[in-house]
Structure formats: C-alpha cells, structure tokens
Amino acid sequence: MTLSAFIAGLPKAELHVHIEGTLEPEMMLAFSRRNRIALAFKTVEEIRSAYRFTSLQGFLDLYYQGAAVLRTEEDFYDLTKAYLAKARADGVLHAEVFFDPQTHLSRGVPFSEVANGMLKAMADAEAELGLTTQLILCFLRHLTEEEAFQTLAAADPWLDRIAGVGLDSSELGHPPTKFAKVFAAAAALGLRRVAHAGEEGPPAYVEQALDILRVERIDHGNRALEDPRLSARLARTGVTLTVCPLSNLSLKVVPSLEAHPVAAMLEMGLRPCVNSDDPAYFGGYVNANYQAISACVGRQGLLALARNSFLGSFLSDEAVAAHLTALAAYDVASA
C-alpha cells in the first residue's frame, strides 16, 4: 500500500481548524451574493490569486475580509457542514473546531447566528456522517482582555455546548500573559483551554501559555524546539502540539516542508499531531497535510501522528480507547 493510500484510510482526529478558514472562494462569492455584500474580488480566480502570503498578518488581513460575507445562521450552517463533509472524506472521526465570534460580533452579527448555525451543522454531521465534534471559542489576541470577557459573557447561553476556549490571531506583540484573567475565568467555568503559541512568537510564549493560561494543548508550537529545556518539558509532560504543515509553509514559518519540525518533534518524544489550520487559504485539508510530510516521517510516523490526534483530543478516555483500538486494527489490516 502506498503512503497516499494509507493516509486516505487512516483514522484520525483534527484538533486545529478555524471554521472561518474553511471558506472556499466559491462559497465566499456565493455568500457575498446571497447577503448582497460587495467584495474586492469578482471571480474565484481573483480570490485564489490573492492567496500568496509572506506573513501571518498578511494572511489575517485577507481572512477577515473573507469572513465579512458570513452573516446568517444559514451561512454558518453551510460553512460548517461543508467542512465536516470534507473532513469525514479524509478519514476524520472527531473534529474540534475553532470559531472566532469577535470577528462577527464586531460586524453586528449576533452570537446566536454564529453558534446556532455551527451547532446545528455539527449535530447533523454527527447523525449523517458518523463523526463526533466539539466547539472551541477563540479570543482574538490583538483585541483587549476586556473584550474577551465580553465575548465569554455573550457565549454564556451556549457554554454547555462549547468544549473550551482558545487564543488566536496576531501573535507577535500579544503574549499569552495578556489574557491570564479571562483564561482563569474560563477554567472556573469548566472550559478546556488551548492557545496558539510559538508559531511566530518566541518559545517564551509557549511557556506563558502553559504556566499562566494553563492550557492543555499548544496550537503550532514550532519554535518551542529552539529551547532544549522547553522541548524536554513538552516531551516529559506529553502536551499535544497541533502542527499545521501547509499553513507553516504558506506563511513562511518554515522555508520548506523538508525543514518542518514535525519529524524532529517525533524523534524527540514530543506529541505532535497534524491539522489543516485554514485549509481554504493554505492549499489543503487534513489529508493533504499528512501527505505533505509523509516522506519525512514514514508510515510509523503517520501512525504516531494519528494516535496523538486522539490522545490530544477532549474526548472521554473510553472514546479515545475505542479510537486507538480502531487505529491499531487499521495498521494490521493495511500492512
């Protein structure tokens, strides 16, 4: 069996995907017409030609422009359902999906339109496609902690259906310490915690996320490898790193896929898993990301990455055990 065929059938979870980042150009245009919103782009080709980024901020500028077409519960339903169908086709059995309510609240879109659309799509996908899902509310780090508290308050009626909180957007100049109080409040509410750290920010941001925000996963974490002591800590404690190869390549976080640190992470005993981040913008969903680093990690590395995706999830121990059993059976059957 080729590695491509092996990846296609490999059971896996996806733990790092921004629903707004699954907005394909065709859907962006369709939503803009449906909601009578003018775009700077007239065709799919014009949109795709803009997907040449030199930095995280350059991507974010276009990302927020695209998100402006999302206005109604129907939009968020259609967007989420489309992503989950693609994920299931890639062998994803569990998805933990990020969303950025502040991006929409700032445009006057009610929280209810966002959450209800996503949650309905997730429930329908679970029933129809056979994958489980969880929702993670992300705070935008370029905004204030006070605004993050306001967003957490707005989410209150839905918190029983939101698994956790995260931290994303522009990393440089916005350290995790900025959000210490709101993450403590989220923890007190029983929410799980994750944060983007060590993508463009220094290793110190990873430590702050662990020690001050008390996160259970690090999203990206590439630059943690620059600090041997921190790398040893991550290996010892088994903190999951949700790495995103095609995103890292597109945003110039790594110069090439061969230079991506995921293979080194595995060799050092860290616990990375592979994810798509913003697949509509970075050229591929989760299997494309597995494929991108397959030559660097080999079959056993691919198995380890899939195993880590379940171990790092917020599923129950029983559910994780069931997935690991299925993964082991797939390994034997595909040998």
Protein backbone atom coordinates (compact mmCIF):
# COMPACT_ATOMS: atom_id res chain seq x y z
CA MET A 1 0.00 0.00 0.00
CA THR A 2 1.34 3.41 -0.91
CA LEU A 3 1.62 6.10 1.74
CA SER A 4 -1.08 8.08 -0.06
CA ALA A 5 -3.50 5.17 0.14
CA PHE A 6 -2.51 4.55 3.76
CA ILE A 7 -3.24 8.20 4.65
CA ALA A 8 -6.60 8.09 2.85
CA GLY A 9 -7.90 5.34 5.12
CA LEU A 10 -6.07 6.36 8.29
CA PRO A 11 -8.48 7.05 11.20
CA LYS A 12 -7.67 10.46 12.66
CA ALA A 13 -8.91 13.46 14.61
CA GLU A 14 -8.49 17.11 13.66
CA LEU A 15 -7.80 19.45 16.57
CA HIS A 16 -6.73 22.70 14.87
CA VAL A 17 -9.05 24.07 12.21
CA HIS A 18 -10.62 27.53 12.08
CA ILE A 19 -14.10 27.32 10.61
CA GLU A 20 -13.71 30.77 9.04
CA GLY A 21 -10.58 29.45 7.36
CA THR A 22 -12.59 26.78 5.53
CA LEU A 23 -14.37 29.45 3.47
CA GLU A 24 -13.54 28.38 -0.07
CA PRO A 25 -13.52 31.08 -2.80
CA GLU A 26 -16.65 29.63 -4.42
CA MET A 27 -18.52 29.84 -1.12
CA MET A 28 -17.17 33.33 -0.43
CA LEU A 29 -18.63 34.56 -3.69
CA ALA A 30 -21.92 32.72 -3.16
CA PHE A 31 -22.37 34.17 0.34
CA SER A 32 -21.46 37.66 -0.84
CA ARG A 33 -24.21 37.47 -3.45
CA ARG A 34 -26.71 35.91 -1.04
CA ASN A 35 -26.11 38.64 1.52
CA ARG A 36 -25.58 41.47 -1.01
CA ILE A 37 -22.06 42.23 0.24
CA ALA A 38 -19.54 43.81 -2.12
CA LEU A 39 -16.15 42.11 -2.39
CA ALA A 40 -12.92 43.43 -3.82
CA PHE A 41 -12.85 40.25 -5.93
CA LYS A 42 -15.17 39.37 -8.78
CA THR A 43 -14.10 35.80 -9.59
CA VAL A 44 -12.77 32.67 -7.92
CA GLU A 45 -9.52 33.14 -9.83
CA GLU A 46 -9.07 36.66 -8.42
CA ILE A 47 -9.55 35.37 -4.90
CA ARG A 48 -7.12 32.49 -5.33
CA SER A 49 -4.51 34.79 -6.83
CA ALA A 50 -4.57 36.78 -3.57
CA TYR A 51 -3.53 33.69 -1.58
CA ARG A 52 0.17 34.45 -1.67
CA PHE A 53 1.21 35.36 1.84
CA THR A 54 4.51 36.50 3.29
CA SER A 55 3.44 36.63 6.94
CA LEU A 56 0.70 35.74 9.40
CA GLN A 57 -0.58 39.32 9.35
CA GLY A 58 -0.84 39.35 5.56
CA PHE A 59 -3.00 36.25 5.72
CA LEU A 60 -5.15 37.65 8.53
CA ASP A 61 -5.92 40.79 6.53
CA LEU A 62 -7.48 38.68 3.77
CA TYR A 63 -9.03 36.22 6.25
CA TYR A 64 -11.03 38.95 7.97
CA GLN A 65 -12.09 40.39 4.62
CA GLY A 66 -13.44 36.99 3.60
CA ALA A 67 -15.23 36.47 6.91
CA ALA A 68 -17.28 39.60 6.24
CA VAL A 69 -19.59 37.59 3.96
CA LEU A 70 -20.72 35.43 6.90
CA ARG A 71 -23.89 36.99 8.28
CA THR A 72 -26.66 34.49 8.99
CA GLU A 73 -27.28 31.22 10.77
CA GLU A 74 -27.65 29.65 7.33
CA ASP A 75 -24.17 30.85 6.34
CA PHE A 76 -22.56 29.32 9.41
CA TYR A 77 -24.54 26.12 8.97
CA ASP A 78 -23.49 25.75 5.33
CA LEU A 79 -19.86 26.60 6.09
CA THR A 80 -19.59 24.13 8.97
CA LYS A 81 -21.43 21.32 7.22
CA ALA A 82 -19.19 21.68 4.16
CA TYR A 83 -16.03 21.45 6.27
CA LEU A 84 -17.26 18.42 8.19
CA ALA A 85 -18.12 16.60 4.96
CA LYS A 86 -14.58 17.22 3.68
CA ALA A 87 -13.09 16.13 7.00
CA ARG A 88 -15.07 12.89 7.07
CA ALA A 89 -14.00 12.13 3.50
CA ASP A 90 -10.41 12.47 4.76
CA GLY A 91 -10.94 9.84 7.46
CA VAL A 92 -11.56 12.29 10.32
CA LEU A 93 -13.61 10.60 13.04
CA HIS A 94 -13.53 13.51 15.51
CA ALA A 95 -13.12 17.24 14.91
CA GLU A 96 -12.58 20.03 17.44
CA VAL A 97 -13.47 23.18 15.56
CA PHE A 98 -12.29 26.72 16.36
CA PHE A 99 -14.52 29.74 15.76
CA ASP A 100 -13.86 33.46 16.20
CA PRO A 101 -17.07 35.10 17.46
CA GLN A 102 -15.41 38.51 17.88
CA THR A 103 -14.83 38.65 14.12
CA HIS A 104 -18.59 38.52 13.67
CA LEU A 105 -19.82 40.38 16.75
CA SER A 106 -17.80 43.42 15.64
CA ARG A 107 -19.85 43.47 12.42
CA GLY A 108 -23.16 43.34 14.27
CA VAL A 109 -23.75 39.62 13.72
CA PRO A 110 -25.45 38.20 16.85
CA PHE A 111 -23.70 35.39 18.70
CA SER A 112 -26.83 33.29 18.21
CA GLU A 113 -26.45 33.34 14.41
CA VAL A 114 -22.91 32.02 14.67
CA ALA A 115 -23.35 29.42 17.40
CA ASN A 116 -26.74 28.07 16.36
CA GLY A 117 -25.67 27.62 12.76
CA MET A 118 -22.49 25.80 13.70
CA LEU A 119 -24.08 23.62 16.39
CA LYS A 120 -26.91 22.53 14.10
CA ALA A 121 -24.43 21.60 11.37
CA MET A 122 -22.34 19.67 13.87
CA ALA A 123 -25.37 17.74 15.13
CA ASP A 124 -26.48 16.94 11.58
CA ALA A 125 -22.97 15.86 10.58
CA GLU A 126 -22.68 13.56 13.58
CA ALA A 127 -26.01 11.92 12.67
CA GLU A 128 -25.41 11.73 8.92
CA LEU A 129 -21.65 11.32 8.55
CA GLY A 130 -20.66 9.43 11.70
CA LEU A 131 -18.08 11.75 13.21
CA THR A 132 -18.08 13.43 16.60
CA THR A 133 -17.42 17.14 17.04
CA GLN A 134 -16.63 19.72 19.71
CA LEU A 135 -16.59 23.51 19.53
CA ILE A 136 -13.79 25.79 20.79
CA LEU A 137 -14.36 29.54 21.16
CA CYS A 138 -11.23 31.53 20.35
CA PHE A 139 -10.39 35.00 21.63
CA LEU A 140 -8.64 37.35 19.22
CA ARG A 141 -5.35 38.28 20.82
CA HIS A 142 -4.99 41.63 19.02
CA LEU A 143 -8.09 42.80 20.94
CA THR A 144 -8.23 43.55 24.68
CA GLU A 145 -8.83 41.16 27.52
CA GLU A 146 -11.89 43.20 28.44
CA GLU A 147 -13.34 42.43 25.01
CA ALA A 148 -12.52 38.75 25.56
CA PHE A 149 -14.52 38.86 28.81
CA GLN A 150 -17.42 40.45 26.94
CA THR A 151 -17.31 37.63 24.40
CA LEU A 152 -17.25 35.00 27.13
CA ALA A 153 -20.32 36.64 28.67
CA ALA A 154 -22.09 36.69 25.29
CA ALA A 155 -21.39 32.96 24.96
CA ASP A 156 -22.98 32.13 28.32
CA PRO A 157 -26.24 30.62 26.95
CA TRP A 158 -24.20 28.21 24.80
CA LEU A 159 -21.42 27.26 27.21
CA ASP A 160 -22.94 23.85 27.87
CA ARG A 161 -22.30 23.12 24.17
CA ILE A 162 -18.83 24.70 23.93
CA ALA A 163 -15.95 22.48 24.98
CA GLY A 164 -13.26 25.08 25.52
CA VAL A 165 -11.60 28.37 24.72
CA GLY A 166 -8.57 29.20 22.61
CA LEU A 167 -6.39 32.13 21.64
CA ASP A 168 -5.56 33.06 18.05
CA SER A 169 -4.91 35.92 15.59
CA SER A 170 -1.78 38.12 15.53
CA GLU A 171 0.77 36.53 17.84
CA LEU A 172 3.72 38.93 17.89
CA GLY A 173 3.30 41.66 20.49
CA HIS A 174 0.34 39.93 22.10
CA PRO A 175 1.76 37.48 24.65
CA PRO A 176 -0.41 34.93 26.48
CA THR A 177 0.03 36.92 29.71
CA LYS A 178 -2.38 39.48 28.25
CA PHE A 179 -5.25 37.01 28.72
CA ALA A 180 -4.43 35.46 32.09
CA LYS A 181 -7.63 36.57 33.83
CA VAL A 182 -10.09 35.53 31.14
CA PHE A 183 -8.48 32.10 30.84
CA ALA A 184 -8.72 31.70 34.61
CA ALA A 185 -12.41 32.63 34.37
CA ALA A 186 -12.92 30.09 31.59
CA ALA A 187 -11.23 27.40 33.68
CA ALA A 188 -13.54 28.23 36.59
CA LEU A 189 -16.49 27.63 34.25
CA GLY A 190 -15.15 24.17 33.44
CA LEU A 191 -13.96 25.01 29.93
CA ARG A 192 -10.89 23.35 28.42
CA ARG A 193 -8.04 25.64 27.33
CA VAL A 194 -5.78 25.79 24.26
CA ALA A 195 -3.72 28.60 22.74
CA HIS A 196 -1.71 29.43 19.64
CA ALA A 197 1.89 29.87 20.72
CA GLY A 198 5.30 29.51 19.11
CA GLU A 199 4.13 30.00 15.53
CA GLU A 200 5.74 33.40 15.03
CA GLY A 201 6.11 34.18 18.73
CA PRO A 202 9.15 33.07 20.77
CA PRO A 203 9.47 29.96 22.97
CA ALA A 204 8.63 32.16 25.96
CA TYR A 205 5.08 32.46 24.61
CA VAL A 206 4.74 28.68 24.78
CA GLU A 207 5.85 28.70 28.41
CA GLN A 208 3.44 31.51 29.23
CA ALA A 209 0.58 29.57 27.65
CA LEU A 210 1.45 26.56 29.77
CA ASP A 211 2.21 28.29 33.06
CA ILE A 212 -0.12 31.30 33.02
CA LEU A 213 -3.04 30.28 30.82
CA ARG A 214 -2.80 26.66 32.00
CA VAL A 215 -3.55 25.35 28.53
CA GLU A 216 -3.90 21.65 27.80
CA ARG A 217 -2.67 21.87 24.19
CA ILE A 218 -0.36 24.16 22.27
CA ASP A 219 -1.50 25.14 18.78
CA HIS A 220 1.56 25.17 16.49
CA GLY A 221 4.45 25.25 18.99
CA ASN A 222 7.15 25.07 16.29
CA ARG A 223 9.51 27.50 18.00
CA ALA A 224 9.48 25.51 21.23
CA LEU A 225 12.25 23.43 19.67
CA GLU A 226 14.57 26.44 19.90
CA ASP A 227 14.70 25.91 23.69
CA PRO A 228 16.06 22.46 24.67
CA ARG A 229 14.75 22.78 28.22
CA LEU A 230 11.24 23.60 26.99
CA SER A 231 11.39 20.76 24.46
CA ALA A 232 12.33 18.35 27.22
CA ARG A 233 9.45 19.63 29.33
CA LEU A 234 6.97 19.10 26.49
CA ALA A 235 8.27 15.59 25.92
CA ARG A 236 8.11 14.76 29.64
CA THR A 237 4.58 16.09 30.14
CA GLY A 238 3.11 14.85 26.86
CA VAL A 239 1.49 18.14 25.86
CA THR A 240 -0.03 17.84 22.40
CA LEU A 241 1.24 20.21 19.70
CA THR A 242 -1.28 20.77 16.90
CA VAL A 243 1.06 21.42 13.98
CA CYS A 244 -0.08 22.63 10.56
CA PRO A 245 2.49 21.94 7.81
CA LEU A 246 0.86 23.61 4.79
CA SER A 247 -0.06 26.67 6.86
CA ASN A 248 3.52 26.94 8.10
CA LEU A 249 4.85 26.71 4.55
CA SER A 250 2.39 29.27 3.17
CA LEU A 251 3.09 31.79 5.94
CA LYS A 252 6.89 31.34 5.70
CA VAL A 253 7.11 29.87 9.21
CA VAL A 254 9.25 27.16 7.60
CA PRO A 255 11.30 27.55 4.40
CA SER A 256 10.25 24.13 3.06
CA LEU A 257 8.28 21.06 4.06
CA GLU A 258 11.55 19.18 4.43
CA ALA A 259 12.51 21.72 7.09
CA HIS A 260 9.25 21.34 9.03
CA PRO A 261 9.95 20.36 12.66
CA VAL A 262 7.28 17.63 12.90
CA ALA A 263 9.76 14.81 12.24
CA ALA A 264 12.15 16.25 14.85
CA MET A 265 9.27 16.51 17.31
CA LEU A 266 8.52 12.82 16.91
CA GLU A 267 12.18 11.87 17.24
CA MET A 268 12.46 13.91 20.45
CA GLY A 269 9.48 12.19 22.01
CA LEU A 270 7.11 15.14 21.73
CA ARG A 271 3.44 14.64 20.87
CA PRO A 272 2.58 16.47 17.63
CA CYS A 273 -0.48 15.84 15.52
CA VAL A 274 -1.21 17.14 12.03
CA ASN A 275 -4.01 19.56 11.16
CA SER A 276 -5.16 21.88 8.37
CA ASP A 277 -5.49 25.25 10.19
CA ASP A 278 -7.16 27.36 7.45
CA PRO A 279 -7.36 24.89 4.57
CA ALA A 280 -9.21 27.11 2.08
CA TYR A 281 -6.31 29.56 2.23
CA PHE A 282 -3.34 27.21 2.59
CA GLY A 283 -3.95 24.63 -0.10
CA GLY A 284 -5.35 21.54 1.56
CA TYR A 285 -7.43 19.78 4.18
CA VAL A 286 -6.06 17.36 6.72
CA ASN A 287 -5.01 14.54 4.38
CA ALA A 288 -3.11 17.00 2.19
CA ASN A 289 -1.17 17.98 5.31
CA TYR A 290 -0.42 14.35 6.18
CA GLN A 291 0.67 13.82 2.59
CA ALA A 292 2.91 16.88 2.68
CA ILE A 293 5.09 15.47 5.47
CA SER A 294 4.67 11.74 4.75
CA ALA A 295 8.10 11.32 3.17
CA CYS A 296 9.72 12.94 6.21
CA VAL A 297 8.01 10.78 8.85
CA GLY A 298 7.19 7.50 7.08
CA ARG A 299 4.40 5.06 7.88
CA GLN A 300 5.23 4.72 11.58
CA GLY A 301 5.37 8.48 11.95
CA LEU A 302 1.97 8.82 10.29
CA LEU A 303 0.54 6.29 12.73
CA ALA A 304 2.05 8.18 15.65
CA LEU A 305 0.57 11.45 14.42
CA ALA A 306 -2.90 9.90 14.11
CA ARG A 307 -2.55 8.32 17.55
CA ASN A 308 -1.54 11.68 19.01
CA SER A 309 -4.58 13.32 17.46
CA PHE A 310 -6.85 11.12 19.55
CA LEU A 311 -4.70 11.29 22.68
CA GLY A 312 -4.69 15.09 22.49
CA SER A 313 -8.44 15.40 21.99
CA PHE A 314 -11.03 16.34 24.59
CA LEU A 315 -12.84 13.06 24.12
CA SER A 316 -13.53 10.78 27.07
CA ASP A 317 -10.98 8.11 27.94
CA GLU A 318 -13.43 5.48 26.72
CA ALA A 319 -13.84 7.16 23.35
CA VAL A 320 -10.09 7.62 22.96
CA ALA A 321 -9.50 3.96 23.77
CA ALA A 322 -12.03 2.92 21.12
CA HIS A 323 -10.34 5.09 18.50
CA LEU A 324 -6.90 3.75 19.39
CA THR A 325 -8.19 0.19 19.06
CA ALA A 326 -9.58 1.01 15.60
CA LEU A 327 -6.29 2.64 14.64
CA ALA A 328 -4.32 -0.46 15.69
CA ALA A 329 -6.69 -2.65 13.68
CA TYR A 330 -6.21 -0.42 10.62
CA ASP A 331 -2.44 -0.72 11.00
CA VAL A 332 -2.65 -4.52 10.92
CA ALA A 333 -5.20 -4.66 8.11
CA SER A 334 -3.23 -2.28 5.89
CA ALA A 335 0.18 -3.89 6.44
